[in-house]
């Protein structure tokens, strides 16, 4: 059956621009008979990543690629370059190639019903990872593994309650608000929605906190910088920046420092991802709280892939382990992040 898949795949590769990453790429080419035997024994997985917009995303991709290689799984990889239409084309190419399992990071929550129906009609199970989707029929995909973005937003809110507890206690007397600027992630993505909702859920019974600015920076450092230039011109009474990822945070810090504003001191900063640059900023006092979004999901993804390829059921919902790092922690204990 695998030989038939490989034959069909060769016919479709050039048309759909599939980049095939063979296990242990970079090693010397094996002879034809050995390669053929490996292909016969290997599970073939189509993996669609949303892009390469950050150190976090690149680490996530490496984690999947390395885990596939370690387990002898053949990976058909596609970079959607931040466009849903590219991702849908990639999923259709995986179906044409007749992979054993499809795994993908959805750019946005909606718009997947048709292509996932096509995958089910072809008998190919689908694993959703990192970001969630909304479909009319939940059985169109086998399960989800990734971050708990709602919890991440809640953790941000809980930190702010503790950080500003003294000011909150005086609110009834002073009427002084705690003003929050929010750098929103990609519009329509489950992680941006979850992080925003989680923060608001925790702060909804605390009227002293108010969000005065919330715009999408699309998880990009350059847009984080642009938005910071804008809101720093608009407001001079900002207490908090809540950023949905480290990339936007680092861009905002750059803009703040250009204006002589001391990040982490003049304005409290809460950021999500926990890439090395953000941990370094936390150690340097430029960030006050870093919430981890764990990118190293490859090993768990491949375990689920093996089960799906074997016709087994997997959990509908599985979250990865994540931590929160505070300015009051012993920051010397944080191991190098690797991204």
Protein backbone atom coordinates (compact mmCIF):
# COMPACT_ATOMS: atom_id res chain seq x y z
CA UNK A 1 0.00 0.00 0.00
CA UNK A 2 2.87 2.39 0.82
CA UNK A 3 4.38 1.79 -2.64
CA UNK A 4 1.10 2.95 -4.18
CA UNK A 5 1.17 6.06 -2.01
CA UNK A 6 4.70 6.90 -3.08
CA UNK A 7 3.80 6.40 -6.76
CA UNK A 8 0.77 8.70 -6.46
CA UNK A 9 2.80 11.22 -4.51
CA UNK A 10 5.40 11.60 -7.26
CA UNK A 11 2.63 12.53 -9.67
CA UNK A 12 1.34 15.27 -7.40
CA UNK A 13 4.53 16.67 -5.82
CA UNK A 14 5.52 19.16 -8.51
CA UNK A 15 1.96 20.44 -8.88
CA UNK A 16 1.42 21.12 -5.18
CA UNK A 17 5.01 22.14 -4.37
CA UNK A 18 5.35 19.64 -1.53
CA UNK A 19 8.61 19.66 0.36
CA UNK A 20 9.34 16.14 1.57
CA UNK A 21 11.53 15.77 4.60
CA UNK A 22 12.86 12.21 4.82
CA UNK A 23 13.89 10.75 8.17
CA UNK A 24 17.42 11.69 9.14
CA UNK A 25 17.79 14.25 6.36
CA UNK A 26 21.38 15.27 5.79
CA UNK A 27 22.69 11.73 6.12
CA UNK A 28 24.32 10.07 3.14
CA UNK A 29 21.85 8.73 0.58
CA UNK A 30 21.03 5.08 1.01
CA UNK A 31 20.93 2.59 -1.83
CA UNK A 32 17.64 2.12 -3.61
CA UNK A 33 16.73 -1.22 -2.03
CA UNK A 34 17.37 0.03 1.53
CA UNK A 35 15.33 3.19 0.89
CA UNK A 36 12.47 1.19 -0.55
CA UNK A 37 12.43 -1.09 2.50
CA UNK A 38 12.40 1.97 4.82
CA UNK A 39 9.49 3.48 2.93
CA UNK A 40 7.54 0.27 3.18
CA UNK A 41 7.90 0.27 6.96
CA UNK A 42 7.36 3.99 7.53
CA UNK A 43 4.28 5.95 8.50
CA UNK A 44 3.79 8.97 6.23
CA UNK A 45 2.53 12.16 7.87
CA UNK A 46 1.53 15.40 6.18
CA UNK A 47 2.35 18.33 8.46
CA UNK A 48 1.21 21.87 7.64
CA UNK A 49 2.78 24.67 9.67
CA UNK A 50 1.41 28.21 9.55
CA UNK A 51 4.78 29.86 8.91
CA UNK A 52 8.12 30.86 10.38
CA UNK A 53 7.19 34.18 11.97
CA UNK A 54 9.07 33.76 15.25
CA UNK A 55 11.69 31.84 17.19
CA UNK A 56 8.81 30.04 18.91
CA UNK A 57 7.34 28.87 15.62
CA UNK A 58 10.68 27.69 14.27
CA UNK A 59 11.26 25.71 17.47
CA UNK A 60 7.83 24.14 17.13
CA UNK A 61 8.62 23.07 13.56
CA UNK A 62 12.01 21.64 14.55
CA UNK A 63 10.39 19.72 17.39
CA UNK A 64 7.98 18.01 14.99
CA UNK A 65 10.66 17.29 12.40
CA UNK A 66 13.13 15.88 14.92
CA UNK A 67 10.50 13.75 16.65
CA UNK A 68 9.43 12.28 13.30
CA UNK A 69 13.04 11.43 12.42
CA UNK A 70 13.67 9.83 15.81
CA UNK A 71 10.62 7.57 15.46
CA UNK A 72 11.25 6.65 11.83
CA UNK A 73 8.21 8.54 10.59
CA UNK A 74 8.31 10.09 7.14
CA UNK A 75 7.26 13.75 7.15
CA UNK A 76 5.73 15.66 4.25
CA UNK A 77 6.16 19.27 5.40
CA UNK A 78 4.50 22.46 4.16
CA UNK A 79 4.94 26.09 5.26
CA UNK A 80 1.68 28.01 4.67
CA UNK A 81 3.40 31.41 4.96
CA UNK A 82 0.59 32.82 7.11
CA UNK A 83 -2.12 32.21 4.48
CA UNK A 84 -5.08 29.94 5.05
CA UNK A 85 -5.53 29.35 1.31
CA UNK A 86 -1.99 27.95 1.16
CA UNK A 87 -2.75 25.67 4.06
CA UNK A 88 -5.94 24.33 2.51
CA UNK A 89 -3.99 23.58 -0.70
CA UNK A 90 -1.38 21.76 1.37
CA UNK A 91 -4.00 19.63 3.11
CA UNK A 92 -5.51 18.72 -0.25
CA UNK A 93 -2.07 17.77 -1.55
CA UNK A 94 -1.59 15.50 1.48
CA UNK A 95 -4.91 13.84 0.64
CA UNK A 96 -3.86 13.36 -2.99
CA UNK A 97 -0.54 11.95 -1.78
CA UNK A 98 -2.50 9.53 0.43
CA UNK A 99 -0.53 10.11 3.61
CA UNK A 100 -1.41 7.98 6.63
CA UNK A 101 -2.13 10.92 8.95
CA UNK A 102 -2.51 14.69 8.56
CA UNK A 103 -1.35 17.02 11.36
CA UNK A 104 -1.68 20.78 11.05
CA UNK A 105 -1.51 24.07 12.95
CA UNK A 106 -4.62 26.00 11.85
CA UNK A 107 -4.02 29.67 11.14
CA UNK A 108 -7.57 30.62 12.15
CA UNK A 109 -10.46 28.76 13.77
CA UNK A 110 -12.94 28.62 10.89
CA UNK A 111 -13.08 27.56 7.25
CA UNK A 112 -11.87 23.96 7.56
CA UNK A 113 -15.08 21.91 7.16
CA UNK A 114 -14.80 21.14 3.45
CA UNK A 115 -11.16 20.07 3.35
CA UNK A 116 -11.51 17.99 6.52
CA UNK A 117 -14.54 16.26 4.99
CA UNK A 118 -12.34 15.44 2.01
CA UNK A 119 -9.75 13.93 4.34
CA UNK A 120 -12.37 11.83 6.09
CA UNK A 121 -13.76 10.65 2.75
CA UNK A 122 -10.21 9.54 1.88
CA UNK A 123 -9.92 7.67 5.19
CA UNK A 124 -7.13 9.90 6.52
CA UNK A 125 -7.33 10.88 10.23
CA UNK A 126 -6.50 14.50 11.11
CA UNK A 127 -4.72 15.78 14.21
CA UNK A 128 -5.05 19.48 15.08
CA UNK A 129 -2.18 21.00 17.03
CA UNK A 130 -1.24 24.30 18.74
CA UNK A 131 -4.38 26.20 17.66
CA UNK A 132 -7.97 24.99 17.84
CA UNK A 133 -10.64 24.97 15.14
CA UNK A 134 -14.40 25.30 14.96
CA UNK A 135 -16.27 22.88 12.69
CA UNK A 136 -19.91 21.89 12.41
CA UNK A 137 -19.03 18.22 12.85
CA UNK A 138 -16.44 17.57 15.57
CA UNK A 139 -15.77 14.09 14.20
CA UNK A 140 -14.03 15.65 11.18
CA UNK A 141 -10.80 15.59 13.18
CA UNK A 142 -9.47 13.01 15.59
CA UNK A 143 -8.21 15.27 18.37
CA UNK A 144 -6.27 18.32 19.48
CA UNK A 145 -2.94 18.72 21.27
CA UNK A 146 -1.45 22.06 22.21
CA UNK A 147 -1.55 25.05 24.48
CA UNK A 148 -4.32 26.06 26.88
CA UNK A 149 -4.60 29.66 25.72
CA UNK A 150 -7.53 30.44 28.02
CA UNK A 151 -5.40 29.42 31.01
CA UNK A 152 -2.54 31.57 29.71
CA UNK A 153 -4.83 34.61 29.68
CA UNK A 154 -6.08 33.77 33.16
CA UNK A 155 -2.51 33.55 34.44
CA UNK A 156 -1.86 37.03 33.07
CA UNK A 157 -4.91 38.34 34.91
CA UNK A 158 -3.95 36.65 38.17
CA UNK A 159 -0.48 38.19 38.02
CA UNK A 160 -1.96 41.65 37.51
CA UNK A 161 -4.30 41.23 40.49
CA UNK A 162 -1.31 40.44 42.68
CA UNK A 163 0.94 43.10 41.16
CA UNK A 164 -1.60 45.91 41.63
CA UNK A 165 -3.33 44.72 44.80
CA UNK A 166 -2.43 47.85 46.74
CA UNK A 167 -3.63 50.18 44.02
CA UNK A 168 -6.78 48.10 43.59
CA UNK A 169 -7.54 48.42 47.30
CA UNK A 170 -7.47 52.23 47.01
CA UNK A 171 -9.62 52.39 43.86
CA UNK A 172 -12.88 53.16 45.71
CA UNK A 173 -11.19 56.15 47.32
CA UNK A 174 -9.08 57.46 44.44
CA UNK A 175 -11.07 56.39 41.39
CA UNK A 176 -7.73 55.83 39.67
CA UNK A 177 -7.88 53.18 36.94
CA UNK A 178 -5.22 50.65 36.04
CA UNK A 179 -4.94 51.12 32.29
CA UNK A 180 -4.07 48.12 30.13
CA UNK A 181 -2.82 48.05 26.54
CA UNK A 182 -3.32 44.71 24.80
CA UNK A 183 -1.26 43.56 21.83
CA UNK A 184 -3.63 41.04 20.27
CA UNK A 185 -2.49 38.04 18.24
CA UNK A 186 -3.69 37.00 14.79
CA UNK A 187 -7.36 37.89 14.29
CA UNK A 188 -9.53 34.78 14.30
CA UNK A 189 -6.88 32.49 15.82
CA UNK A 190 -7.92 30.40 18.82
CA UNK A 191 -4.83 31.35 20.83
CA UNK A 192 -5.52 35.08 20.50
CA UNK A 193 -9.18 34.61 21.39
CA UNK A 194 -8.35 32.39 24.37
CA UNK A 195 -5.67 34.70 25.77
CA UNK A 196 -7.94 37.72 25.50
CA UNK A 197 -10.92 35.90 27.03
CA UNK A 198 -8.85 34.48 29.88
CA UNK A 199 -7.57 37.91 30.92
CA UNK A 200 -11.05 39.43 30.83
CA UNK A 201 -12.55 36.53 32.75
CA UNK A 202 -10.22 37.14 35.70
CA UNK A 203 -10.54 40.93 35.67
CA UNK A 204 -14.27 41.23 35.01
CA UNK A 205 -15.11 41.69 38.70
CA UNK A 206 -12.35 44.28 39.15
CA UNK A 207 -13.55 47.54 37.59
CA UNK A 208 -10.31 49.29 38.48
CA UNK A 209 -8.72 47.46 35.54
CA UNK A 210 -9.67 48.74 32.11
CA UNK A 211 -8.38 47.91 28.66
CA UNK A 212 -7.86 51.20 26.83
CA UNK A 213 -6.29 49.81 23.66
CA UNK A 214 -6.43 46.41 21.95
CA UNK A 215 -5.14 45.83 18.43
CA UNK A 216 -3.77 42.90 16.46
CA UNK A 217 -0.04 42.77 15.90
CA UNK A 218 -0.41 39.40 14.15
CA UNK A 219 2.22 37.90 16.50
CA UNK A 220 4.96 39.82 14.63
CA UNK A 221 7.78 41.80 16.25
CA UNK A 222 7.64 44.48 13.57
CA UNK A 223 3.93 45.06 14.17
CA UNK A 224 4.47 45.08 17.93
CA UNK A 225 6.86 47.95 17.38
CA UNK A 226 4.43 49.79 15.08
CA UNK A 227 1.54 49.44 17.53
CA UNK A 228 3.70 50.62 20.42
CA UNK A 229 4.68 53.74 18.50
CA UNK A 230 0.98 54.37 18.00
CA UNK A 231 -0.31 53.78 21.54
CA UNK A 232 2.58 55.62 23.17
CA UNK A 233 1.55 58.68 21.16
CA UNK A 234 -2.11 58.20 22.08
CA UNK A 235 -1.74 57.65 25.84
CA UNK A 236 0.59 58.85 28.55
CA UNK A 237 -1.08 56.99 31.44
CA UNK A 238 -0.44 53.33 30.53
CA UNK A 239 0.08 50.99 33.48
CA UNK A 240 0.25 47.60 31.76
CA UNK A 241 1.11 46.07 28.42
CA UNK A 242 -0.36 42.60 27.96
CA UNK A 243 1.18 41.07 24.86
CA UNK A 244 -0.02 37.83 23.31
CA UNK A 245 3.50 36.80 22.33
CA UNK A 246 7.15 37.61 22.94
CA UNK A 247 7.77 38.81 19.41
CA UNK A 248 5.30 41.70 19.74
CA UNK A 249 6.61 42.36 23.26
CA UNK A 250 10.19 42.76 22.07
CA UNK A 251 9.05 45.15 19.35
CA UNK A 252 7.11 47.20 21.91
CA UNK A 253 10.10 47.32 24.24
CA UNK A 254 12.21 48.71 21.41
CA UNK A 255 9.69 51.49 20.79
CA UNK A 256 9.45 52.28 24.51
CA UNK A 257 13.20 52.59 24.91
CA UNK A 258 13.40 54.92 21.92
CA UNK A 259 11.07 57.27 23.81
CA UNK A 260 13.02 57.01 27.06
CA UNK A 261 10.38 54.86 28.76
CA UNK A 262 11.67 52.13 31.08
CA UNK A 263 9.86 48.84 30.29
CA UNK A 264 9.09 46.76 33.35
CA UNK A 265 9.34 49.83 35.59
CA UNK A 266 7.39 52.70 34.04
CA UNK A 267 5.00 50.19 32.49
CA UNK A 268 4.38 46.64 33.72
CA UNK A 269 4.79 44.07 30.94
CA UNK A 270 3.20 40.62 30.76
CA UNK A 271 4.12 38.44 27.78
CA UNK A 272 3.40 34.94 26.50
CA UNK A 273 5.71 32.33 24.90
CA UNK A 274 8.83 32.28 27.13
CA UNK A 275 11.41 32.33 24.38
CA UNK A 276 14.98 33.03 25.49
CA UNK A 277 14.86 36.73 24.62
CA UNK A 278 11.83 37.22 26.88
CA UNK A 279 13.47 35.36 29.76
CA UNK A 280 16.55 37.55 29.31
CA UNK A 281 14.28 40.62 29.43
CA UNK A 282 12.67 39.26 32.60
CA UNK A 283 16.11 38.86 34.17
CA UNK A 284 16.98 42.38 33.07
CA UNK A 285 13.87 43.85 34.71
CA UNK A 286 12.29 44.86 31.38
CA UNK A 287 9.47 42.31 31.67
CA UNK A 288 7.54 41.47 34.83
CA UNK A 289 5.84 38.16 33.98
CA UNK A 290 6.51 35.58 31.27
CA UNK A 291 3.89 32.89 30.61
CA UNK A 292 5.16 29.83 28.84
CA UNK A 293 3.60 28.50 25.66
CA UNK A 294 5.45 25.24 25.13
CA UNK A 295 6.55 24.74 21.49
CA UNK A 296 8.24 21.37 22.01
CA UNK A 297 5.22 19.27 21.19
CA UNK A 298 6.81 17.06 18.52
CA UNK A 299 7.30 13.89 20.63
CA UNK A 300 3.68 13.90 21.86
CA UNK A 301 2.38 14.63 18.36
CA UNK A 302 4.25 11.66 16.93
CA UNK A 303 2.94 9.34 19.65
CA UNK A 304 -0.58 10.33 18.70
CA UNK A 305 0.24 9.95 15.00
CA UNK A 306 1.37 6.36 15.57
CA UNK A 307 -1.90 5.56 17.32
CA UNK A 308 -3.97 7.10 14.55
CA UNK A 309 -1.99 5.25 11.88
CA UNK A 310 -2.72 2.03 13.76
CA UNK A 311 -6.45 2.80 13.75
CA UNK A 312 -6.58 3.62 17.46
CA UNK A 313 -8.53 6.43 19.10
CA UNK A 314 -6.76 9.35 20.78
CA UNK A 315 -7.93 11.91 23.41
CA UNK A 316 -10.14 14.63 21.98
CA UNK A 317 -8.29 17.29 23.95
CA UNK A 318 -4.73 17.19 25.28
CA UNK A 319 -2.82 20.14 26.71
CA UNK A 320 0.95 20.35 27.03
CA UNK A 321 2.75 21.17 30.28
CA UNK A 322 3.51 24.89 30.72
CA UNK A 323 4.96 27.19 33.40
CA UNK A 324 4.74 30.82 34.50
CA UNK A 325 7.87 32.84 35.33
CA UNK A 326 7.56 35.84 37.67
CA UNK A 327 9.90 38.75 38.39
CA UNK A 328 10.09 37.53 42.00
CA UNK A 329 11.35 34.04 41.06
CA UNK A 330 14.94 32.88 41.31
CA UNK A 331 15.53 33.44 37.61
CA UNK A 332 18.95 31.77 37.69
CA UNK A 333 17.13 28.43 37.88
CA UNK A 334 15.50 28.79 34.44
CA UNK A 335 17.24 26.47 31.98
CA UNK A 336 18.17 27.74 28.49
CA UNK A 337 15.03 27.77 26.40
CA UNK A 338 16.42 26.60 23.08
CA UNK A 339 14.34 29.08 21.10
